[in-house]
Amino acid sequence: MDTTELRRLQRKAVLDGDVAAATRLARDAIETGNDLHAFIDDGFVAGIQEVGRLWEEGEYFLPELMQSADAMKAAMNVLRPELLRKGRATGSGVKTVIGTVQGDIHDIGKTLVATFLEANGFEVIDLGRDVPLPDFVETAVRENARLICLSALLTTTMPGHGRVIELLNEAGRKEEIAVLVGGAPVTRRFADEIGADGWAVNAVDAVGEARRLSEAAGA
């Protein structure tokens, strides 16, 4: 099977919510020996993005959404150990706190970013989803983290990004801890408006931005 067809089938497995197929196709991706990031971005992630579009347009409903999320997670459960095994320690062990902000239960994108960061040598503290905003700052301070990564998939939860930055300023720690924001509705303009240090459109970009911020801080 060529890689183009494999990526097409990966997208279809997520769209169909087929956990068994997603698991098998993730193993097939590993066996090719090719760059797994391409399979993730052009295969599984492309599939979940299409699911999101269908959900917003009313063509998919909650059962389909949950099934597709399960298929995506099953694929990542297979791919994650291999990503970590092949990972290069380019993050130099920089502690990073990550989570989806309060009021938002979406976690696939956040989990993907966390996996990519770990695969690139960052020490990731994943707080999960629907995280109370003070927890980001309290955890970062307690663990001596140098970076906070925030995710929001809803326009209604986006303001949480700005509030975390406010809390960092109130704690007097903004100069020490950088903030990287992302999520489907988040734009570079929004990131600039709230005073975020970085913005990423996908997991690969998030790694590049995290590395840039770490190097700028001398970590």
C-alpha atoms as a PDB file:
ATOM      1  CA  MET A   1       0.000   0.000   0.000  1.00  0.00           C
ATOM      2  CA  ASP A   2       1.456   3.383  -0.947  1.00  0.00           C
ATOM      3  CA  THR A   3       1.600   6.191   1.595  1.00  0.00           C
ATOM      4  CA  THR A   4      -1.067   8.276  -0.143  1.00  0.00           C
ATOM      5  CA  GLU A   5      -3.577   5.453   0.089  1.00  0.00           C
ATOM      6  CA  LEU A   6      -2.578   4.761   3.683  1.00  0.00           C
ATOM      7  CA  ARG A   7      -3.256   8.362   4.674  1.00  0.00           C
ATOM      8  CA  ARG A   8      -6.605   8.256   2.883  1.00  0.00           C
ATOM      9  CA  LEU A   9      -7.614   5.156   4.812  1.00  0.00           C
ATOM     10  CA  GLN A  10      -6.473   6.763   8.072  1.00  0.00           C
ATOM     11  CA  ARG A  11      -8.727   9.761   7.410  1.00  0.00           C
ATOM     12  CA  LYS A  12     -11.602   7.421   6.581  1.00  0.00           C
ATOM     13  CA  ALA A  13     -11.104   5.370   9.761  1.00  0.00           C
ATOM     14  CA  VAL A  14     -11.460   8.508  11.876  1.00  0.00           C
ATOM     15  CA  LEU A  15     -14.455   9.738   9.878  1.00  0.00           C
ATOM     16  CA  ASP A  16     -16.104   6.337  10.267  1.00  0.00           C
ATOM     17  CA  GLY A  17     -15.231   6.109  13.952  1.00  0.00           C
ATOM     18  CA  ASP A  18     -13.620   2.735  13.272  1.00  0.00           C
ATOM     19  CA  VAL A  19     -11.347   2.033  16.238  1.00  0.00           C
ATOM     20  CA  ALA A  20     -10.089  -1.307  14.914  1.00  0.00           C
ATOM     21  CA  ALA A  21      -9.169   0.149  11.522  1.00  0.00           C
ATOM     22  CA  ALA A  22      -7.496   3.207  13.087  1.00  0.00           C
ATOM     23  CA  THR A  23      -5.418   0.956  15.325  1.00  0.00           C
ATOM     24  CA  ARG A  24      -4.376  -1.277  12.433  1.00  0.00           C
ATOM     25  CA  LEU A  25      -3.548   1.668  10.161  1.00  0.00           C
ATOM     26  CA  ALA A  26      -1.449   3.301  12.870  1.00  0.00           C
ATOM     27  CA  ARG A  27       0.613   0.103  13.063  1.00  0.00           C
ATOM     28  CA  ASP A  28       0.886   0.107   9.268  1.00  0.00           C
ATOM     29  CA  ALA A  29       2.255   3.663   9.419  1.00  0.00           C
ATOM     30  CA  ILE A  30       4.974   2.583  11.838  1.00  0.00           C
ATOM     31  CA  GLU A  31       5.904  -0.371   9.628  1.00  0.00           C
ATOM     32  CA  THR A  32       6.527   1.909   6.631  1.00  0.00           C
ATOM     33  CA  GLY A  33       9.506   3.423   8.434  1.00  0.00           C
ATOM     34  CA  ASN A  34       8.520   6.859   7.134  1.00  0.00           C
ATOM     35  CA  ASP A  35       8.031  10.093   9.086  1.00  0.00           C
ATOM     36  CA  LEU A  36       5.073   9.509  11.396  1.00  0.00           C
ATOM     37  CA  HIS A  37       4.280  13.220  11.587  1.00  0.00           C
ATOM     38  CA  ALA A  38       3.118  13.170   7.966  1.00  0.00           C
ATOM     39  CA  PHE A  39       0.743  10.287   8.648  1.00  0.00           C
ATOM     40  CA  ILE A  40      -0.601  12.025  11.724  1.00  0.00           C
ATOM     41  CA  ASP A  41      -1.124  15.401  10.050  1.00  0.00           C
ATOM     42  CA  ASP A  42      -2.343  14.253   6.625  1.00  0.00           C
ATOM     43  CA  GLY A  43      -4.138  11.141   7.828  1.00  0.00           C
ATOM     44  CA  PHE A  44      -5.577  11.040  11.319  1.00  0.00           C
ATOM     45  CA  VAL A  45      -5.593  14.772  12.080  1.00  0.00           C
ATOM     46  CA  ALA A  46      -7.081  15.590   8.681  1.00  0.00           C
ATOM     47  CA  GLY A  47      -9.825  13.099   9.507  1.00  0.00           C
ATOM     48  CA  ILE A  48     -10.652  14.618  12.882  1.00  0.00           C
ATOM     49  CA  GLN A  49     -10.641  18.102  11.356  1.00  0.00           C
ATOM     50  CA  GLU A  50     -13.204  16.933   8.819  1.00  0.00           C
ATOM     51  CA  VAL A  51     -15.249  15.476  11.667  1.00  0.00           C
ATOM     52  CA  GLY A  52     -15.196  18.883  13.339  1.00  0.00           C
ATOM     53  CA  ARG A  53     -16.446  20.523  10.158  1.00  0.00           C
ATOM     54  CA  LEU A  54     -19.262  18.004   9.797  1.00  0.00           C
ATOM     55  CA  TRP A  55     -20.193  18.532  13.449  1.00  0.00           C
ATOM     56  CA  GLU A  56     -20.380  22.289  12.991  1.00  0.00           C
ATOM     57  CA  GLU A  57     -22.504  21.893   9.858  1.00  0.00           C
ATOM     58  CA  GLY A  58     -24.941  19.581  11.616  1.00  0.00           C
ATOM     59  CA  GLU A  59     -24.087  16.512   9.553  1.00  0.00           C
ATOM     60  CA  TYR A  60     -22.464  14.705  12.479  1.00  0.00           C
ATOM     61  CA  PHE A  61     -24.040  14.397  15.903  1.00  0.00           C
ATOM     62  CA  LEU A  62     -22.672  13.523  19.343  1.00  0.00           C
ATOM     63  CA  PRO A  63     -22.487   9.731  18.787  1.00  0.00           C
ATOM     64  CA  GLU A  64     -20.477  10.189  15.579  1.00  0.00           C
ATOM     65  CA  LEU A  65     -18.264  12.773  17.251  1.00  0.00           C
ATOM     66  CA  MET A  66     -17.490  10.455  20.156  1.00  0.00           C
ATOM     67  CA  GLN A  67     -16.822   7.477  17.904  1.00  0.00           C
ATOM     68  CA  SER A  68     -14.417   9.505  15.773  1.00  0.00           C
ATOM     69  CA  ALA A  69     -12.644  10.782  18.880  1.00  0.00           C
ATOM     70  CA  ASP A  70     -12.244   7.206  20.096  1.00  0.00           C
ATOM     71  CA  ALA A  71     -10.733   6.196  16.753  1.00  0.00           C
ATOM     72  CA  MET A  72      -8.294   9.112  16.872  1.00  0.00           C
ATOM     73  CA  LYS A  73      -7.260   8.267  20.427  1.00  0.00           C
ATOM     74  CA  ALA A  74      -6.785   4.599  19.527  1.00  0.00           C
ATOM     75  CA  ALA A  75      -4.424   5.580  16.725  1.00  0.00           C
ATOM     76  CA  MET A  76      -2.458   7.907  18.988  1.00  0.00           C
ATOM     77  CA  ASN A  77      -2.169   5.186  21.644  1.00  0.00           C
ATOM     78  CA  VAL A  78      -0.314   3.123  19.047  1.00  0.00           C
ATOM     79  CA  LEU A  79       1.767   5.976  17.635  1.00  0.00           C
ATOM     80  CA  ARG A  80       2.727   7.729  20.863  1.00  0.00           C
ATOM     81  CA  PRO A  81       5.307   5.172  22.123  1.00  0.00           C
ATOM     82  CA  GLU A  82       6.987   5.157  18.720  1.00  0.00           C
ATOM     83  CA  LEU A  83       7.072   8.949  18.592  1.00  0.00           C
ATOM     84  CA  LEU A  84       8.686   9.023  22.026  1.00  0.00           C
ATOM     85  CA  ARG A  85      11.150   6.276  21.098  1.00  0.00           C
ATOM     86  CA  LYS A  86      12.284   8.176  18.019  1.00  0.00           C
ATOM     87  CA  GLY A  87      12.164  11.561  19.682  1.00  0.00           C
ATOM     88  CA  ARG A  88      15.198  13.779  19.786  1.00  0.00           C
ATOM     89  CA  ALA A  89      15.974  15.650  22.986  1.00  0.00           C
ATOM     90  CA  THR A  90      15.696  19.054  21.326  1.00  0.00           C
ATOM     91  CA  GLY A  91      13.540  20.373  24.145  1.00  0.00           C
ATOM     92  CA  SER A  92      16.371  19.886  26.646  1.00  0.00           C
ATOM     93  CA  GLY A  93      13.900  18.697  29.286  1.00  0.00           C
ATOM     94  CA  VAL A  94      12.170  22.075  29.587  1.00  0.00           C
ATOM     95  CA  LYS A  95       9.175  21.710  31.893  1.00  0.00           C
ATOM     96  CA  THR A  96       5.931  22.577  30.151  1.00  0.00           C
ATOM     97  CA  VAL A  97       2.418  22.734  31.574  1.00  0.00           C
ATOM     98  CA  ILE A  98      -0.362  22.012  29.085  1.00  0.00           C
ATOM     99  CA  GLY A  99      -4.129  21.727  29.209  1.00  0.00           C
ATOM    100  CA  THR A 100      -7.476  22.686  27.722  1.00  0.00           C
ATOM    101  CA  VAL A 101      -8.913  25.710  29.487  1.00  0.00           C
ATOM    102  CA  GLN A 102     -11.860  25.716  31.868  1.00  0.00           C
ATOM    103  CA  GLY A 103     -15.234  25.115  30.238  1.00  0.00           C
ATOM    104  CA  ASP A 104     -13.754  23.253  27.256  1.00  0.00           C
ATOM    105  CA  ILE A 105     -13.805  19.446  27.194  1.00  0.00           C
ATOM    106  CA  HIS A 106     -12.000  18.988  23.862  1.00  0.00           C
ATOM    107  CA  ASP A 107      -8.654  17.306  24.335  1.00  0.00           C
ATOM    108  CA  ILE A 108      -7.564  15.580  21.124  1.00  0.00           C
ATOM    109  CA  GLY A 109      -5.572  18.536  19.812  1.00  0.00           C
ATOM    110  CA  LYS A 110      -4.078  19.225  23.229  1.00  0.00           C
ATOM    111  CA  THR A 111      -3.055  15.580  23.638  1.00  0.00           C
ATOM    112  CA  LEU A 112      -1.453  15.597  20.190  1.00  0.00           C
ATOM    113  CA  VAL A 113       0.596  18.680  21.059  1.00  0.00           C
ATOM    114  CA  ALA A 114       1.635  17.120  24.382  1.00  0.00           C
ATOM    115  CA  THR A 115       2.776  13.973  22.585  1.00  0.00           C
ATOM    116  CA  PHE A 116       4.802  15.926  20.026  1.00  0.00           C
ATOM    117  CA  LEU A 117       6.410  18.014  22.750  1.00  0.00           C
ATOM    118  CA  GLU A 118       7.387  14.893  24.704  1.00  0.00           C
ATOM    119  CA  ALA A 119       8.754  13.332  21.526  1.00  0.00           C
ATOM    120  CA  ASN A 120      10.959  16.402  21.124  1.00  0.00           C
ATOM    121  CA  GLY A 121      12.424  16.254  24.610  1.00  0.00           C
ATOM    122  CA  PHE A 122      10.145  18.538  26.628  1.00  0.00           C
ATOM    123  CA  GLU A 123       9.060  17.432  30.098  1.00  0.00           C
ATOM    124  CA  VAL A 124       5.287  17.751  29.833  1.00  0.00           C
ATOM    125  CA  ILE A 125       2.835  18.119  32.713  1.00  0.00           C
ATOM    126  CA  ASP A 126      -0.566  17.463  31.156  1.00  0.00           C
ATOM    127  CA  LEU A 127      -3.404  18.847  33.283  1.00  0.00           C
ATOM    128  CA  GLY A 128      -6.070  17.423  30.979  1.00  0.00           C
ATOM    129  CA  ARG A 129      -9.223  19.219  29.888  1.00  0.00           C
ATOM    130  CA  ASP A 130     -11.629  21.687  31.514  1.00  0.00           C
ATOM    131  CA  VAL A 131      -8.768  22.899  33.704  1.00  0.00           C
ATOM    132  CA  PRO A 132      -9.506  25.665  36.252  1.00  0.00           C
ATOM    133  CA  LEU A 133      -7.486  28.667  35.101  1.00  0.00           C
ATOM    134  CA  PRO A 134      -5.551  29.213  38.365  1.00  0.00           C
ATOM    135  CA  ASP A 135      -4.295  25.618  38.142  1.00  0.00           C
ATOM    136  CA  PHE A 136      -2.110  26.479  35.141  1.00  0.00           C
ATOM    137  CA  VAL A 137      -0.264  29.189  37.044  1.00  0.00           C
ATOM    138  CA  GLU A 138      -0.112  27.324  40.348  1.00  0.00           C
ATOM    139  CA  THR A 139       1.281  24.197  38.676  1.00  0.00           C
ATOM    140  CA  ALA A 140       3.811  26.115  36.602  1.00  0.00           C
ATOM    141  CA  VAL A 141       5.101  27.958  39.665  1.00  0.00           C
ATOM    142  CA  ARG A 142       5.187  24.845  41.851  1.00  0.00           C
ATOM    143  CA  GLU A 143       6.947  22.725  39.219  1.00  0.00           C
ATOM    144  CA  ASN A 144       9.282  25.518  38.062  1.00  0.00           C
ATOM    145  CA  ALA A 145       7.946  25.202  34.512  1.00  0.00           C
ATOM    146  CA  ARG A 146       9.175  27.610  31.842  1.00  0.00           C
ATOM    147  CA  LEU A 147       6.226  27.286  29.474  1.00  0.00           C
ATOM    148  CA  ILE A 148       2.421  27.053  29.646  1.00  0.00           C
ATOM    149  CA  CYS A 149       0.534  25.754  26.601  1.00  0.00           C
ATOM    150  CA  LEU A 150      -3.179  26.570  26.468  1.00  0.00           C
ATOM    151  CA  SER A 151      -5.787  25.042  24.187  1.00  0.00           C
ATOM    152  CA  ALA A 152      -9.353  26.128  23.447  1.00  0.00           C
ATOM    153  CA  LEU A 153     -11.664  24.738  20.793  1.00  0.00           C
ATOM    154  CA  LEU A 154     -14.617  27.019  21.523  1.00  0.00           C
ATOM    155  CA  THR A 155     -14.908  30.769  21.014  1.00  0.00           C
ATOM    156  CA  THR A 156     -16.664  30.924  24.388  1.00  0.00           C
ATOM    157  CA  THR A 157     -13.621  29.515  26.199  1.00  0.00           C
ATOM    158  CA  MET A 158     -10.959  31.503  24.333  1.00  0.00           C
ATOM    159  CA  PRO A 159     -10.987  34.330  26.919  1.00  0.00           C
ATOM    160  CA  GLY A 160      -9.504  31.832  29.356  1.00  0.00           C
ATOM    161  CA  HIS A 161      -6.198  32.252  27.531  1.00  0.00           C
ATOM    162  CA  GLY A 162      -6.091  35.919  28.406  1.00  0.00           C
ATOM    163  CA  ARG A 163      -7.136  35.296  31.987  1.00  0.00           C
ATOM    164  CA  VAL A 164      -4.240  32.888  32.552  1.00  0.00           C
ATOM    165  CA  ILE A 165      -1.855  35.581  31.340  1.00  0.00           C
ATOM    166  CA  GLU A 166      -3.482  38.048  33.736  1.00  0.00           C
ATOM    167  CA  LEU A 167      -3.010  35.577  36.581  1.00  0.00           C
ATOM    168  CA  LEU A 168       0.658  35.179  35.675  1.00  0.00           C
ATOM    169  CA  ASN A 169       1.084  38.953  35.763  1.00  0.00           C
ATOM    170  CA  GLU A 170      -0.713  39.171  39.104  1.00  0.00           C
ATOM    171  CA  ALA A 171       1.638  36.527  40.490  1.00  0.00           C
ATOM    172  CA  GLY A 172       4.643  38.437  39.158  1.00  0.00           C
ATOM    173  CA  ARG A 173       5.796  35.438  37.102  1.00  0.00           C
ATOM    174  CA  LYS A 174       5.050  36.506  33.518  1.00  0.00           C
ATOM    175  CA  GLU A 175       8.679  37.329  32.773  1.00  0.00           C
ATOM    176  CA  GLU A 176       9.729  33.835  33.838  1.00  0.00           C
ATOM    177  CA  ILE A 177       6.994  31.719  32.247  1.00  0.00           C
ATOM    178  CA  ALA A 178       6.086  31.982  28.559  1.00  0.00           C
ATOM    179  CA  VAL A 179       2.573  31.286  27.280  1.00  0.00           C
ATOM    180  CA  LEU A 180       1.818  29.501  24.019  1.00  0.00           C
ATOM    181  CA  VAL A 181      -1.797  29.436  22.832  1.00  0.00           C
ATOM    182  CA  GLY A 182      -3.660  27.449  20.199  1.00  0.00           C
ATOM    183  CA  GLY A 183      -6.894  25.811  19.128  1.00  0.00           C
ATOM    184  CA  ALA A 184      -9.166  25.974  16.104  1.00  0.00           C
ATOM    185  CA  PRO A 185     -10.651  29.464  16.732  1.00  0.00           C
ATOM    186  CA  VAL A 186      -7.423  31.006  18.034  1.00  0.00           C
ATOM    187  CA  THR A 187      -5.578  33.352  15.676  1.00  0.00           C
ATOM    188  CA  ARG A 188      -2.245  35.127  15.753  1.00  0.00           C
ATOM    189  CA  ARG A 189      -4.088  38.437  16.102  1.00  0.00           C
ATOM    190  CA  PHE A 190      -5.924  37.152  19.180  1.00  0.00           C
ATOM    191  CA  ALA A 191      -2.661  35.864  20.641  1.00  0.00           C
ATOM    192  CA  ASP A 192      -1.051  39.267  20.154  1.00  0.00           C
ATOM    193  CA  GLU A 193      -4.037  41.074  21.676  1.00  0.00           C
ATOM    194  CA  ILE A 194      -3.909  39.085  24.918  1.00  0.00           C
ATOM    195  CA  GLY A 195      -0.138  39.267  25.218  1.00  0.00           C
ATOM    196  CA  ALA A 196       0.667  35.619  24.534  1.00  0.00           C
ATOM    197  CA  ASP A 197       4.294  34.843  23.759  1.00  0.00           C
ATOM    198  CA  GLY A 198       3.496  32.443  20.954  1.00  0.00           C
ATOM    199  CA  TRP A 199       0.743  30.958  18.818  1.00  0.00           C
ATOM    200  CA  ALA A 200       0.583  27.701  16.879  1.00  0.00           C
ATOM    201  CA  VAL A 201      -1.816  26.434  14.256  1.00  0.00           C
ATOM    202  CA  ASN A 202      -0.997  22.731  14.730  1.00  0.00           C
ATOM    203  CA  ALA A 203       1.107  20.326  16.764  1.00  0.00           C
ATOM    204  CA  VAL A 204       4.202  20.595  14.560  1.00  0.00           C
ATOM    205  CA  ASP A 205       4.118  24.403  14.747  1.00  0.00           C
ATOM    206  CA  ALA A 206       3.617  24.149  18.514  1.00  0.00           C
ATOM    207  CA  VAL A 207       6.898  22.268  18.872  1.00  0.00           C
ATOM    208  CA  GLY A 208       8.735  24.887  16.815  1.00  0.00           C
ATOM    209  CA  GLU A 209       7.233  27.730  18.850  1.00  0.00           C
ATOM    210  CA  ALA A 210       7.948  25.971  22.145  1.00  0.00           C
ATOM    211  CA  ARG A 211      11.550  25.485  21.106  1.00  0.00           C
ATOM    212  CA  ARG A 212      11.832  29.130  20.065  1.00  0.00           C
ATOM    213  CA  LEU A 213      10.417  30.361  23.365  1.00  0.00           C
ATOM    214  CA  SER A 214      12.694  28.056  25.341  1.00  0.00           C
ATOM    215  CA  GLU A 215      15.773  29.256  23.484  1.00  0.00           C
ATOM    216  CA  ALA A 216      14.736  32.900  23.927  1.00  0.00           C
ATOM    217  CA  ALA A 217      14.444  32.316  27.665  1.00  0.00           C
ATOM    218  CA  GLY A 218      17.827  30.651  27.771  1.00  0.00           C
ATOM    219  CA  ALA A 219      16.326  27.384  29.015  1.00  0.00           C
END
